[in-house]
Amino acid sequence: MKMDITDATDIANLINTFYDKVKEDEILGPIFNVQIPVNWQVHLPVMYRFWENAIFYTGGYTGNPMALHAHIHKKIGLEAKQFERWLKLFNETTDELFEGEKAELAKERALSIARVMQQKLLNA
């Protein structure tokens, strides 16, 4: 039986595994690797804080993901298929590594994020 997400180490494992998949993905990889090259040493710790806050309400994340993604959308024109793939990879990764209340909460948060981003960016 898999364990639930319980701490920052679990969050880091989830995020690292997820982004390893993103980097190799045929739809998302080109965005993160070429179109908007990501500095992973900067990006990953931000994502750890974001997801720790989303799941454990730590208050450790202060940022504006919508503004950042609006800038990316302006630059490359994001599409629904990219949000769908992001969500699919996130859910698959979560299910591969964890099960339990916090794992389900992480997937619920990811769904909410994907929906809101699509609504605000693609229907603007």
N, C-alpha and C. Protein backbone atom coordinates (compact mmCIF):
# COMPACT_ATOMS: atom_id res chain seq x y z
N MET A 1 0.84 -1.19 0.00
CA MET A 1 0.00 0.00 0.00
C MET A 1 0.88 1.25 0.00
N LYS A 2 0.50 2.21 -0.81
CA LYS A 2 1.23 3.48 -0.88
C LYS A 2 0.84 4.35 0.31
N MET A 3 1.74 5.23 0.66
CA MET A 3 1.49 6.17 1.75
C MET A 3 0.90 7.46 1.20
N ASP A 4 0.35 8.26 2.07
CA ASP A 4 -0.18 9.57 1.69
C ASP A 4 0.97 10.58 1.68
N ILE A 5 0.72 11.74 1.13
CA ILE A 5 1.66 12.85 1.18
C ILE A 5 1.63 13.39 2.61
N THR A 6 2.79 13.40 3.26
CA THR A 6 2.80 13.80 4.67
C THR A 6 3.69 14.98 5.00
N ASP A 7 4.65 15.30 4.11
CA ASP A 7 5.60 16.35 4.49
C ASP A 7 6.29 16.94 3.26
N ALA A 8 7.21 17.85 3.52
CA ALA A 8 7.93 18.55 2.44
C ALA A 8 8.75 17.59 1.58
N THR A 9 9.26 16.53 2.17
CA THR A 9 10.02 15.54 1.39
C THR A 9 9.12 14.86 0.37
N ASP A 10 7.91 14.54 0.77
CA ASP A 10 6.95 13.94 -0.16
C ASP A 10 6.59 14.91 -1.28
N ILE A 11 6.40 16.17 -0.93
CA ILE A 11 6.10 17.19 -1.94
C ILE A 11 7.25 17.27 -2.94
N ALA A 12 8.47 17.32 -2.46
CA ALA A 12 9.63 17.40 -3.36
C ALA A 12 9.69 16.18 -4.27
N ASN A 13 9.42 15.01 -3.73
CA ASN A 13 9.41 13.79 -4.53
C ASN A 13 8.35 13.87 -5.63
N LEU A 14 7.15 14.29 -5.26
CA LEU A 14 6.07 14.45 -6.23
C LEU A 14 6.45 15.43 -7.33
N ILE A 15 6.92 16.59 -6.94
CA ILE A 15 7.23 17.65 -7.91
C ILE A 15 8.41 17.26 -8.78
N ASN A 16 9.45 16.69 -8.21
CA ASN A 16 10.61 16.27 -9.01
C ASN A 16 10.22 15.21 -10.03
N THR A 17 9.44 14.23 -9.60
CA THR A 17 9.01 13.16 -10.50
C THR A 17 8.10 13.71 -11.59
N PHE A 18 7.19 14.58 -11.20
CA PHE A 18 6.28 15.20 -12.16
C PHE A 18 7.05 15.98 -13.22
N TYR A 19 7.96 16.83 -12.79
CA TYR A 19 8.69 17.65 -13.77
C TYR A 19 9.68 16.84 -14.60
N ASP A 20 10.15 15.72 -14.09
CA ASP A 20 10.95 14.83 -14.94
C ASP A 20 10.11 14.35 -16.12
N LYS A 21 8.84 14.07 -15.86
CA LYS A 21 7.93 13.66 -16.94
C LYS A 21 7.63 14.83 -17.88
N VAL A 22 7.40 16.00 -17.31
CA VAL A 22 7.10 17.19 -18.11
C VAL A 22 8.24 17.47 -19.09
N LYS A 23 9.46 17.40 -18.61
CA LYS A 23 10.62 17.70 -19.46
C LYS A 23 10.71 16.76 -20.66
N GLU A 24 10.24 15.53 -20.51
CA GLU A 24 10.31 14.53 -21.58
C GLU A 24 9.04 14.47 -22.42
N ASP A 25 8.00 15.16 -22.00
CA ASP A 25 6.71 15.06 -22.67
C ASP A 25 6.73 15.76 -24.03
N GLU A 26 6.08 15.14 -25.01
CA GLU A 26 6.08 15.69 -26.38
C GLU A 26 5.29 16.99 -26.49
N ILE A 27 4.33 17.21 -25.62
CA ILE A 27 3.53 18.44 -25.67
C ILE A 27 4.13 19.51 -24.75
N LEU A 28 4.46 19.14 -23.53
CA LEU A 28 4.94 20.12 -22.55
C LEU A 28 6.44 20.34 -22.60
N GLY A 29 7.19 19.33 -22.95
CA GLY A 29 8.64 19.44 -22.98
C GLY A 29 9.15 20.63 -23.78
N PRO A 30 8.67 20.82 -25.01
CA PRO A 30 9.16 21.96 -25.80
C PRO A 30 8.90 23.32 -25.15
N ILE A 31 7.83 23.43 -24.40
CA ILE A 31 7.55 24.70 -23.72
C ILE A 31 8.59 24.95 -22.64
N PHE A 32 8.81 23.96 -21.79
CA PHE A 32 9.71 24.11 -20.65
C PHE A 32 11.18 24.09 -21.05
N ASN A 33 11.49 23.41 -22.13
CA ASN A 33 12.89 23.23 -22.53
C ASN A 33 13.37 24.24 -23.57
N VAL A 34 12.45 24.74 -24.41
CA VAL A 34 12.86 25.58 -25.54
C VAL A 34 12.15 26.93 -25.54
N GLN A 35 10.81 26.91 -25.60
CA GLN A 35 10.05 28.15 -25.76
C GLN A 35 10.20 29.08 -24.57
N ILE A 36 10.09 28.54 -23.39
CA ILE A 36 10.26 29.29 -22.14
C ILE A 36 11.26 28.49 -21.30
N PRO A 37 12.54 28.56 -21.63
CA PRO A 37 13.50 27.72 -20.91
C PRO A 37 13.46 27.99 -19.40
N VAL A 38 13.30 26.94 -18.66
CA VAL A 38 13.14 27.03 -17.21
C VAL A 38 14.48 26.84 -16.52
N ASN A 39 14.76 27.70 -15.56
CA ASN A 39 15.90 27.50 -14.67
C ASN A 39 15.39 26.62 -13.53
N TRP A 40 15.67 25.33 -13.62
CA TRP A 40 15.10 24.37 -12.68
C TRP A 40 15.58 24.59 -11.25
N GLN A 41 16.78 25.11 -11.07
CA GLN A 41 17.28 25.37 -9.71
C GLN A 41 16.47 26.45 -9.02
N VAL A 42 15.87 27.32 -9.80
CA VAL A 42 15.00 28.37 -9.25
C VAL A 42 13.55 27.88 -9.19
N HIS A 43 13.10 27.26 -10.28
CA HIS A 43 11.69 26.89 -10.42
C HIS A 43 11.25 25.81 -9.42
N LEU A 44 12.05 24.78 -9.26
CA LEU A 44 11.62 23.67 -8.40
C LEU A 44 11.37 24.10 -6.95
N PRO A 45 12.27 24.85 -6.30
CA PRO A 45 11.97 25.28 -4.93
C PRO A 45 10.69 26.13 -4.83
N VAL A 46 10.41 26.92 -5.86
CA VAL A 46 9.17 27.70 -5.87
C VAL A 46 7.98 26.75 -5.92
N MET A 47 8.08 25.72 -6.75
CA MET A 47 6.99 24.74 -6.86
C MET A 47 6.82 23.94 -5.57
N TYR A 48 7.93 23.63 -4.91
CA TYR A 48 7.81 22.95 -3.61
C TYR A 48 6.99 23.82 -2.66
N ARG A 49 7.33 25.10 -2.56
CA ARG A 49 6.61 26.00 -1.65
C ARG A 49 5.15 26.15 -2.07
N PHE A 50 4.92 26.26 -3.37
CA PHE A 50 3.54 26.40 -3.87
C PHE A 50 2.70 25.20 -3.43
N TRP A 51 3.20 23.99 -3.69
CA TRP A 51 2.41 22.80 -3.38
C TRP A 51 2.35 22.51 -1.88
N GLU A 52 3.39 22.86 -1.14
CA GLU A 52 3.30 22.74 0.32
C GLU A 52 2.18 23.63 0.85
N ASN A 53 2.09 24.83 0.30
CA ASN A 53 1.02 25.74 0.70
C ASN A 53 -0.34 25.22 0.25
N ALA A 54 -0.43 24.70 -0.97
CA ALA A 54 -1.70 24.21 -1.50
C ALA A 54 -2.23 23.02 -0.72
N ILE A 55 -1.33 22.20 -0.21
CA ILE A 55 -1.75 20.97 0.47
C ILE A 55 -1.76 21.12 1.99
N PHE A 56 -0.76 21.81 2.53
CA PHE A 56 -0.62 21.91 3.99
C PHE A 56 -0.89 23.31 4.53
N TYR A 57 -1.23 24.26 3.66
CA TYR A 57 -1.54 25.63 4.07
C TYR A 57 -0.41 26.25 4.90
N THR A 58 0.81 26.12 4.42
CA THR A 58 1.98 26.59 5.16
C THR A 58 2.16 28.10 5.12
N GLY A 59 1.60 28.74 4.09
CA GLY A 59 1.82 30.17 3.92
C GLY A 59 3.18 30.49 3.35
N GLY A 60 3.91 29.46 2.92
CA GLY A 60 5.27 29.64 2.45
C GLY A 60 5.40 30.10 1.01
N TYR A 61 4.30 30.20 0.30
CA TYR A 61 4.36 30.63 -1.10
C TYR A 61 3.75 32.01 -1.22
N THR A 62 4.50 32.91 -1.83
CA THR A 62 3.96 34.22 -2.17
C THR A 62 4.33 34.46 -3.62
N GLY A 63 3.36 34.46 -4.45
CA GLY A 63 3.60 34.66 -5.87
C GLY A 63 2.29 34.84 -6.59
N ASN A 64 2.38 35.08 -7.87
CA ASN A 64 1.19 35.28 -8.68
C ASN A 64 1.29 34.40 -9.92
N PRO A 65 0.89 33.12 -9.77
CA PRO A 65 1.01 32.21 -10.91
C PRO A 65 0.17 32.64 -12.11
N MET A 66 -0.95 33.30 -11.87
CA MET A 66 -1.78 33.73 -12.99
C MET A 66 -1.05 34.76 -13.85
N ALA A 67 -0.41 35.73 -13.22
CA ALA A 67 0.32 36.75 -13.98
C ALA A 67 1.46 36.12 -14.77
N LEU A 68 2.16 35.19 -14.16
CA LEU A 68 3.26 34.52 -14.85
C LEU A 68 2.75 33.74 -16.07
N HIS A 69 1.67 33.01 -15.89
CA HIS A 69 1.13 32.23 -17.01
C HIS A 69 0.48 33.12 -18.06
N ALA A 70 -0.05 34.27 -17.66
CA ALA A 70 -0.57 35.23 -18.65
C ALA A 70 0.57 35.73 -19.53
N HIS A 71 1.72 35.98 -18.93
CA HIS A 71 2.90 36.40 -19.70
C HIS A 71 3.33 35.29 -20.67
N ILE A 72 3.35 34.06 -20.20
CA ILE A 72 3.71 32.93 -21.05
C ILE A 72 2.70 32.78 -22.18
N HIS A 73 1.43 32.91 -21.85
CA HIS A 73 0.37 32.79 -22.87
C HIS A 73 0.54 33.86 -23.96
N LYS A 74 0.85 35.07 -23.54
CA LYS A 74 1.08 36.15 -24.50
C LYS A 74 2.24 35.83 -25.43
N LYS A 75 3.25 35.22 -24.87
CA LYS A 75 4.47 34.93 -25.63
C LYS A 75 4.31 33.76 -26.59
N ILE A 76 3.67 32.67 -26.15
CA ILE A 76 3.64 31.46 -26.98
C ILE A 76 2.24 30.99 -27.34
N GLY A 77 1.21 31.53 -26.70
CA GLY A 77 -0.15 31.10 -27.01
C GLY A 77 -0.46 29.71 -26.47
N LEU A 78 -0.75 29.62 -25.19
CA LEU A 78 -1.09 28.34 -24.58
C LEU A 78 -2.40 27.81 -25.14
N GLU A 79 -2.55 26.49 -25.11
CA GLU A 79 -3.74 25.83 -25.64
C GLU A 79 -4.30 24.86 -24.60
N ALA A 80 -5.57 24.51 -24.77
CA ALA A 80 -6.24 23.60 -23.83
C ALA A 80 -5.50 22.28 -23.71
N LYS A 81 -4.97 21.76 -24.82
CA LYS A 81 -4.29 20.46 -24.77
C LYS A 81 -3.08 20.48 -23.83
N GLN A 82 -2.47 21.62 -23.67
CA GLN A 82 -1.32 21.72 -22.77
C GLN A 82 -1.76 21.64 -21.30
N PHE A 83 -2.86 22.30 -20.99
CA PHE A 83 -3.39 22.21 -19.63
C PHE A 83 -3.87 20.80 -19.34
N GLU A 84 -4.51 20.17 -20.32
CA GLU A 84 -4.99 18.79 -20.15
C GLU A 84 -3.83 17.84 -19.91
N ARG A 85 -2.74 18.00 -20.66
CA ARG A 85 -1.59 17.12 -20.48
C ARG A 85 -0.94 17.37 -19.12
N TRP A 86 -0.82 18.64 -18.72
CA TRP A 86 -0.26 18.98 -17.42
C TRP A 86 -1.03 18.26 -16.32
N LEU A 87 -2.36 18.35 -16.38
CA LEU A 87 -3.21 17.72 -15.37
C LEU A 87 -3.07 16.20 -15.41
N LYS A 88 -3.06 15.63 -16.59
CA LYS A 88 -2.91 14.18 -16.73
C LYS A 88 -1.60 13.71 -16.10
N LEU A 89 -0.51 14.38 -16.43
CA LEU A 89 0.79 13.98 -15.87
C LEU A 89 0.84 14.17 -14.35
N PHE A 90 0.25 15.26 -13.87
CA PHE A 90 0.24 15.51 -12.43
C PHE A 90 -0.55 14.41 -11.71
N ASN A 91 -1.73 14.09 -12.22
CA ASN A 91 -2.55 13.06 -11.58
C ASN A 91 -1.88 11.69 -11.65
N GLU A 92 -1.32 11.35 -12.81
CA GLU A 92 -0.62 10.07 -12.94
C GLU A 92 0.53 9.97 -11.94
N THR A 93 1.30 11.03 -11.83
CA THR A 93 2.45 11.03 -10.92
C THR A 93 1.98 10.88 -9.48
N THR A 94 0.96 11.62 -9.12
CA THR A 94 0.42 11.54 -7.76
C THR A 94 -0.04 10.12 -7.46
N ASP A 95 -0.79 9.53 -8.40
CA ASP A 95 -1.31 8.17 -8.19
C ASP A 95 -0.20 7.11 -8.15
N GLU A 96 0.87 7.33 -8.90
CA GLU A 96 1.99 6.38 -8.89
C GLU A 96 2.71 6.37 -7.54
N LEU A 97 2.78 7.53 -6.92
CA LEU A 97 3.60 7.67 -5.71
C LEU A 97 2.83 7.60 -4.40
N PHE A 98 1.57 8.05 -4.41
CA PHE A 98 0.85 8.24 -3.15
C PHE A 98 -0.61 7.81 -3.26
N GLU A 99 -1.21 7.61 -2.10
CA GLU A 99 -2.66 7.48 -2.01
C GLU A 99 -3.09 7.96 -0.64
N GLY A 100 -4.26 8.56 -0.60
CA GLY A 100 -4.77 9.06 0.67
C GLY A 100 -5.39 10.43 0.52
N GLU A 101 -5.78 10.99 1.65
CA GLU A 101 -6.50 12.26 1.68
C GLU A 101 -5.71 13.41 1.06
N LYS A 102 -4.45 13.54 1.41
CA LYS A 102 -3.64 14.65 0.88
C LYS A 102 -3.33 14.43 -0.60
N ALA A 103 -3.16 13.20 -1.03
CA ALA A 103 -2.94 12.92 -2.45
C ALA A 103 -4.18 13.33 -3.25
N GLU A 104 -5.34 13.01 -2.73
CA GLU A 104 -6.58 13.42 -3.40
C GLU A 104 -6.72 14.94 -3.41
N LEU A 105 -6.35 15.57 -2.31
CA LEU A 105 -6.39 17.03 -2.24
C LEU A 105 -5.46 17.64 -3.28
N ALA A 106 -4.28 17.07 -3.44
CA ALA A 106 -3.34 17.58 -4.45
C ALA A 106 -3.96 17.51 -5.84
N LYS A 107 -4.62 16.41 -6.15
CA LYS A 107 -5.26 16.27 -7.47
C LYS A 107 -6.43 17.23 -7.63
N GLU A 108 -7.18 17.44 -6.56
CA GLU A 108 -8.27 18.42 -6.61
C GLU A 108 -7.74 19.83 -6.86
N ARG A 109 -6.66 20.17 -6.17
CA ARG A 109 -6.05 21.49 -6.36
C ARG A 109 -5.53 21.64 -7.79
N ALA A 110 -4.90 20.59 -8.31
CA ALA A 110 -4.38 20.64 -9.68
C ALA A 110 -5.51 20.84 -10.69
N LEU A 111 -6.62 20.14 -10.49
CA LEU A 111 -7.77 20.30 -11.37
C LEU A 111 -8.29 21.73 -11.31
N SER A 112 -8.41 22.27 -10.12
CA SER A 112 -8.88 23.64 -9.95
C SER A 112 -7.94 24.63 -10.64
N ILE A 113 -6.64 24.44 -10.46
CA ILE A 113 -5.65 25.33 -11.09
C ILE A 113 -5.78 25.27 -12.61
N ALA A 114 -5.84 24.06 -13.15
CA ALA A 114 -5.94 23.91 -14.60
C ALA A 114 -7.21 24.57 -15.14
N ARG A 115 -8.32 24.37 -14.45
CA ARG A 115 -9.60 24.97 -14.90
C ARG A 115 -9.56 26.49 -14.87
N VAL A 116 -9.08 27.03 -13.76
CA VAL A 116 -9.04 28.49 -13.62
C VAL A 116 -8.09 29.11 -14.65
N MET A 117 -6.93 28.51 -14.81
CA MET A 117 -5.96 29.04 -15.79
C MET A 117 -6.56 29.01 -17.20
N GLN A 118 -7.17 27.89 -17.56
CA GLN A 118 -7.78 27.81 -18.89
C GLN A 118 -8.87 28.85 -19.06
N GLN A 119 -9.73 28.95 -18.07
CA GLN A 119 -10.85 29.90 -18.15
C GLN A 119 -10.34 31.32 -18.31
N LYS A 120 -9.39 31.70 -17.49
CA LYS A 120 -8.92 33.10 -17.51
C LYS A 120 -8.02 33.40 -18.69
N LEU A 121 -7.21 32.45 -19.10
CA LEU A 121 -6.25 32.72 -20.17
C LEU A 121 -6.82 32.46 -21.56
N LEU A 122 -7.53 31.36 -21.72
CA LEU A 122 -7.98 30.98 -23.05
C LEU A 122 -9.31 31.60 -23.44
N ASN A 123 -10.06 32.06 -22.46
CA ASN A 123 -11.36 32.66 -22.74
C ASN A 123 -11.36 34.16 -22.49
N ALA A 124 -10.18 34.74 -22.43
CA ALA A 124 -10.07 36.18 -22.14
C ALA A 124 -10.39 37.01 -23.37
